[in-house]
Structure formats: C-alpha cells, structure tokens
Protein backbone atom coordinates (compact mmCIF):
# COMPACT_ATOMS: atom_id res chain seq x y z
CA MET A 1 16.92 119.90 241.04
CA ALA A 2 19.29 122.47 239.59
CA THR A 3 18.18 125.84 238.33
CA PRO A 4 19.35 126.45 234.76
CA ILE A 5 21.83 129.21 234.26
CA VAL A 6 20.36 132.03 232.21
CA THR A 7 22.78 134.08 230.17
CA ASP A 8 22.01 137.04 228.03
CA SER A 9 22.87 135.83 224.58
CA PRO A 10 23.37 138.50 222.02
CA THR A 11 21.15 138.73 218.94
CA PRO A 12 22.67 136.54 216.20
CA THR A 13 24.71 138.40 213.68
CA GLY A 14 26.47 137.34 210.58
CA PRO A 15 25.67 136.59 206.96
CA GLY A 16 22.40 134.66 207.72
CA ARG A 17 20.76 137.63 209.42
CA THR A 18 21.89 140.08 206.78
CA LEU A 19 20.59 137.86 203.98
CA ARG A 20 17.18 137.62 205.68
CA ARG A 21 17.02 141.44 206.03
CA ILE A 22 17.94 141.97 202.38
CA THR A 23 15.36 139.44 201.31
CA ALA A 24 12.63 141.03 203.41
CA LEU A 25 13.55 144.49 202.15
CA LEU A 26 13.52 143.40 198.50
CA GLY A 27 10.19 141.65 199.06
CA ALA A 28 8.70 144.85 200.45
CA VAL A 29 10.05 146.98 197.56
CA VAL A 30 8.61 144.53 194.98
CA PHE A 31 5.26 144.46 196.79
CA VAL A 32 5.02 148.28 196.95
CA GLY A 33 6.29 148.59 193.35
CA PHE A 34 3.70 146.19 192.01
CA TRP A 35 0.77 147.88 193.71
CA THR A 36 2.05 151.35 192.67
CA TRP A 37 2.19 150.15 189.05
CA ALA A 38 -1.23 148.43 189.30
CA LEU A 39 -3.02 151.37 190.82
CA PHE A 40 -1.41 154.27 188.96
CA PHE A 41 0.20 153.12 185.75
CA ALA A 42 -1.44 149.94 184.41
CA SER A 43 -4.01 150.31 181.64
CA LYS A 44 -7.59 150.39 182.95
CA GLU A 45 -9.09 149.77 179.51
CA ALA A 46 -11.08 146.56 179.17
CA ILE A 47 -9.54 144.14 176.78
CA ASN A 48 -12.77 143.65 174.86
CA GLN A 49 -13.77 147.30 174.72
CA VAL A 50 -14.77 148.56 171.25
CA GLY A 51 -13.45 152.11 170.69
CA ASP A 52 -16.56 153.19 168.84
CA ARG A 53 -18.80 154.12 171.73
CA ARG A 54 -21.65 155.07 169.35
CA TRP A 55 -21.67 151.44 168.11
CA ALA A 56 -21.94 150.18 171.69
CA ALA A 57 -24.79 152.59 172.46
CA ASP A 58 -26.68 151.59 169.31
CA ALA A 59 -26.15 147.83 170.09
CA GLU A 60 -27.38 148.36 173.64
CA ALA A 61 -30.54 149.99 172.37
CA ILE A 62 -31.25 147.06 170.06
CA CYS A 63 -30.61 144.59 172.87
CA ALA A 64 -32.72 146.48 175.42
CA ALA A 65 -35.73 146.36 173.08
CA ALA A 66 -35.18 142.62 172.50
CA ASP A 67 -34.94 142.05 176.24
CA ALA A 68 -38.27 143.78 176.83
CA GLU A 69 -39.89 141.72 174.06
CA ARG A 70 -38.38 138.49 175.39
CA LEU A 71 -39.55 139.21 179.00
CA GLU A 72 -43.15 139.28 177.75
CA LEU A 73 -42.82 135.54 177.12
CA ALA A 74 -42.20 134.81 180.83
CA ASP A 75 -44.15 131.73 182.04
CA TYR A 76 -44.16 131.36 185.84
CA ARG A 77 -45.81 127.93 186.03
CA LEU A 78 -43.89 125.33 187.95
CA LEU A 79 -42.71 122.50 185.72
CA ASN A 80 -43.39 119.90 188.38
CA GLU A 81 -47.10 120.77 188.16
CA GLY A 82 -47.40 119.41 184.59
CA GLY A 83 -46.24 116.56 182.54
CA PRO A 84 -44.48 116.20 179.23
CA GLU A 85 -46.97 118.54 177.55
CA LEU A 86 -45.86 121.43 179.80
CA ILE A 87 -42.20 120.63 178.98
CA ARG A 88 -43.10 120.83 175.25
CA GLU A 89 -44.73 124.21 175.87
CA ARG A 90 -41.54 125.30 177.54
CA ALA A 91 -39.65 124.26 174.43
CA ASP A 92 -41.91 126.47 172.34
CA ILE A 93 -41.30 129.38 174.66
CA VAL A 94 -37.52 128.77 174.46
CA ASP A 95 -37.77 128.83 170.68
CA ARG A 96 -39.77 132.07 170.64
CA ALA A 97 -37.25 133.68 173.05
CA THR A 98 -34.41 132.39 170.84
CA ASP A 99 -36.13 133.85 167.75
CA ILE A 100 -35.96 137.25 169.48
CA LEU A 101 -32.26 136.71 170.28
CA GLU A 102 -31.56 135.70 166.70
CA ARG A 103 -33.21 138.85 165.34
CA MET A 104 -31.38 140.93 167.95
CA ILE A 105 -27.93 139.60 167.05
CA GLY A 106 -28.78 139.97 163.33
CA ASP A 107 -29.64 143.64 163.91
CA VAL A 108 -26.42 144.18 165.88
CA ALA A 109 -24.41 142.43 163.16
CA ARG A 110 -25.64 145.02 160.68
CA LEU A 111 -23.94 147.71 162.70
CA THR A 112 -20.31 148.26 161.88
CA PRO A 113 -17.98 149.77 164.47
CA ALA A 114 -15.90 152.67 163.19
CA ASP A 115 -12.68 151.60 164.94
CA GLU A 116 -10.27 148.93 163.75
CA LYS A 117 -10.34 146.98 167.01
CA GLY A 118 -14.13 146.90 167.00
CA GLN A 119 -14.17 145.65 163.33
CA ALA A 120 -11.85 142.81 164.42
CA ILE A 121 -13.55 141.64 167.61
CA VAL A 122 -17.25 142.29 167.05
CA PRO A 123 -17.59 139.55 164.36
CA MET A 124 -16.01 137.06 166.79
CA TRP A 125 -18.56 138.04 169.49
CA ILE A 126 -21.39 137.73 167.00
CA GLY A 127 -20.10 134.31 165.94
CA GLU A 128 -20.02 133.09 169.50
CA TYR A 129 -23.51 134.49 170.03
CA ARG A 130 -24.73 132.47 167.12
CA THR A 131 -23.18 129.37 168.67
CA TYR A 132 -25.06 130.14 171.89
CA ILE A 133 -28.30 130.50 169.88
CA ALA A 134 -27.68 127.12 168.26
CA ASP A 135 -27.15 125.63 171.75
CA ARG A 136 -30.54 127.00 172.74
CA ARG A 137 -32.18 125.51 169.61
CA ASN A 138 -30.67 122.12 170.43
CA TYR A 139 -31.95 122.39 173.98
CA ALA A 140 -35.54 123.14 172.85
CA GLU A 141 -35.41 120.17 170.53
CA GLN A 142 -34.21 117.89 173.35
CA LEU A 143 -37.11 119.06 175.55
CA ARG A 144 -39.53 118.19 172.75
CA LEU A 145 -38.03 114.79 172.08
CA THR A 146 -37.80 113.64 175.74
CA GLY A 147 -40.69 115.46 177.36
CA GLU A 148 -38.41 115.79 180.34
CA ASN A 149 -37.12 118.83 182.15
CA LEU A 150 -33.48 118.56 181.13
CA SER A 151 -30.56 120.86 182.11
CA PHE A 152 -29.33 123.32 179.53
CA TYR A 153 -25.75 122.70 178.37
CA GLU A 154 -23.88 125.26 176.34
CA THR A 155 -20.73 125.21 174.36
CA MET A 156 -17.54 125.56 176.34
CA ALA A 157 -14.76 127.86 175.16
CA GLU A 158 -12.38 127.56 178.14
CA VAL A 159 -15.45 128.77 180.09
CA PRO A 160 -19.14 128.59 179.28
CA ILE A 161 -19.71 130.61 176.09
CA SER A 162 -22.34 132.72 177.90
CA GLU A 163 -19.61 133.97 180.24
CA ARG A 164 -17.51 135.20 177.35
CA LEU A 165 -20.56 136.87 175.75
CA GLU A 166 -21.49 138.51 179.05
CA THR A 167 -17.88 139.77 179.61
CA PHE A 168 -17.86 141.39 176.16
CA ALA A 169 -21.25 143.00 176.82
CA GLY A 170 -20.08 144.32 180.23
CA ASP A 171 -16.81 145.60 178.90
CA ASN A 172 -18.78 147.64 176.34
CA GLU A 173 -21.50 148.85 178.68
CA MET A 174 -24.16 146.83 176.81
CA THR A 175 -25.66 144.92 179.66
CA SER A 176 -28.83 144.13 177.74
CA CYS A 177 -26.66 142.29 175.17
CA ALA A 178 -25.60 139.73 177.72
CA PRO A 179 -27.14 136.30 177.11
CA PRO A 180 -30.30 135.76 179.12
CA ARG A 181 -30.25 133.45 182.15
CA ASP A 182 -33.70 132.08 181.35
CA LEU A 183 -32.67 128.46 180.90
CA THR A 184 -30.93 127.91 184.25
CA MET A 185 -32.81 125.90 186.77
C-alpha cells in the first residue's frame, strides 16, 4: 500500500474567491444597515394609535367600568354537570354580557377623537366591534336552539375579528376595550 503524497496546496485565488468575499461583505453591510435603521430610525408609533390621548383615556374608563359589570355575571358551574337547560342559562348570561358590551361600545362611539386620524379609524373599529357583538348574539341564539355546548365562531377579517379589536385596543392603551375571552372553551 502506497502512502499518498501530501503537498501544500495554496489557498484558491481568483475571481470565485473575490466574488464570495464581496457577497459576504455586502450581506454584512445590509444586515447591519437594516438593524441600525430598525432600532434607531424606524417609526415606533403603532399604526392604529389615535393621536387624541384624552379620547383613549376616556374610552378606557368606559370599558373598565363595563368589564367590572360584566365580570359580575361570571358563572363557574361546569357545563357537563347539567343538560340543555344549563346551556340555555349560559345563552342568557352571554346575552346579558353582550348587552353590557353593546352599551359600552355605544358610549365609546359617542366620544369623538380630536385628531383627524382618530376620526377616520375609530368608526371602523366601532363597526367591527358591532360585528363582533352580532356574532355573540348569533352564538347565544344557537345555544338556545340546540341546547348543546357549541363552539363560538366569529367573523374573520384576515384574522379573527377579536384579534383586530384587541390590537386596536392595545395600540391605544385601552386594554379594557379588548373583546372579552368569555366564550372560548
């Protein structure tokens, strides 16, 4: 058996190596440039933020009061412990909680933001909230009709409408105005 001859081969040179180095250097420059822009120069303002912070504070106060009222309706009985009558009682609780949400959004709708952006986007948010309320009404009716513990389905607007409502509420520091998660199983 012959021993292979080992030679010191020089590091490859030429256009291939130069091109790889230039590509790597450009990649690093783009990477650093992007993160510099993102961290120091890009706008940090939420896209849904209403400029009138007083409007947001007043809306949050309305929603917080509604949340407290709605939480008084909590029923901690397990649905598997009862039959269709317990499901119908649940439908009644859903309707009462939805009544509170409807009054809440009506009160918020009477507030008018002072800024132009707020005047443009708040009515869209209120309209979507009313769609969510209608979804809750339909759900309560289905519970009554079937007597079964059905899943809650809401309108989709690229994502579930409750996610859009919650994002708006978060962007405006109105956490109490996010739709409640009381219908999830």
